[in-house]
Amino acid sequence: MRDNLHLCLCFSPAGDSLRTRCRNFPGLINNTTIDWYNQWPQEALVEVANAKLLEYSLEEEYKPDVIKFFA
């Protein structure tokens, strides 16, 4: 059962809160894999939003605002 349990936790590294959480809950960093992601360029965020919106039927007049919000 334990072999199939996977969790994904997302924390912002900004500020002291991540350091405090890791200190208070050492299980967060023991036996885990940490993937650091850099900030995405705006163009990439817009492309991902555009691709995801193709899966939904949305009126054309709302698309630019929704894409802007997603990005």
Protein backbone atom coordinates (compact mmCIF):
# COMPACT_ATOMS: atom_id res chain seq x y z
CA MET A 1 0.00 0.00 0.00
CA ARG A 2 2.78 2.40 0.89
CA ASP A 3 4.48 1.93 -2.49
CA ASN A 4 1.50 3.47 -4.28
CA LEU A 5 1.08 6.59 -2.16
CA HIS A 6 2.24 9.74 -3.94
CA LEU A 7 1.70 13.31 -2.79
CA CYS A 8 2.51 16.55 -4.50
CA LEU A 9 2.96 19.58 -2.26
CA CYS A 10 3.70 23.01 -3.65
CA PHE A 11 5.34 25.67 -1.51
CA SER A 12 6.65 29.06 -2.44
CA PRO A 13 10.33 29.45 -1.60
CA ALA A 14 9.83 33.19 -1.05
CA GLY A 15 10.16 34.40 2.51
CA ASP A 16 10.80 32.39 5.65
CA SER A 17 7.69 30.20 5.61
CA LEU A 18 9.26 27.30 3.65
CA ARG A 19 12.26 27.19 5.97
CA THR A 20 9.96 27.25 9.02
CA ARG A 21 7.77 24.45 7.65
CA CYS A 22 10.78 22.28 6.87
CA ARG A 23 12.16 22.85 10.36
CA ASN A 24 8.83 22.11 12.08
CA PHE A 25 7.97 19.14 9.87
CA PRO A 26 11.19 17.32 8.91
CA GLY A 27 9.13 14.64 7.17
CA LEU A 28 8.55 17.16 4.38
CA ILE A 29 12.16 16.85 3.30
CA ASN A 30 13.08 13.30 4.36
CA ASN A 31 12.66 10.73 1.58
CA THR A 32 11.30 13.28 -0.87
CA THR A 33 12.26 14.65 -4.24
CA ILE A 34 12.36 18.41 -4.59
CA ASP A 35 11.95 19.93 -8.04
CA TRP A 36 12.76 23.61 -8.29
CA TYR A 37 11.05 25.44 -11.12
CA ASN A 38 12.16 28.84 -12.32
CA GLN A 39 9.71 31.52 -13.30
CA TRP A 40 8.13 30.84 -16.70
CA PRO A 41 8.27 33.45 -19.46
CA GLN A 42 4.99 35.23 -20.16
CA GLU A 43 4.83 33.83 -23.71
CA ALA A 44 4.99 30.26 -22.40
CA LEU A 45 2.20 30.90 -19.91
CA VAL A 46 0.02 32.33 -22.66
CA GLU A 47 0.69 29.31 -24.90
CA VAL A 48 -0.23 26.86 -22.13
CA ALA A 49 -3.43 28.78 -21.40
CA ASN A 50 -4.27 28.82 -25.09
CA ALA A 51 -3.73 25.07 -25.42
CA LYS A 52 -5.84 24.30 -22.36
CA LEU A 53 -8.70 26.48 -23.52
CA LEU A 54 -8.99 24.44 -26.73
CA GLU A 55 -10.48 21.66 -24.59
CA TYR A 56 -13.44 23.87 -23.60
CA SER A 57 -16.12 25.64 -25.55
CA LEU A 58 -15.74 29.29 -24.71
CA GLU A 59 -17.05 32.29 -26.57
CA GLU A 60 -14.34 34.08 -28.54
CA GLU A 61 -15.02 37.42 -26.88
CA TYR A 62 -14.01 36.02 -23.45
CA LYS A 63 -10.90 34.12 -24.55
CA PRO A 64 -8.35 36.98 -24.38
CA ASP A 65 -9.41 37.92 -20.84
CA VAL A 66 -9.37 34.31 -19.65
CA ILE A 67 -5.95 33.69 -21.20
CA LYS A 68 -4.63 36.86 -19.59
CA PHE A 69 -6.01 35.73 -16.22
CA PHE A 70 -4.48 32.24 -16.56
CA ALA A 71 -1.08 33.61 -17.54
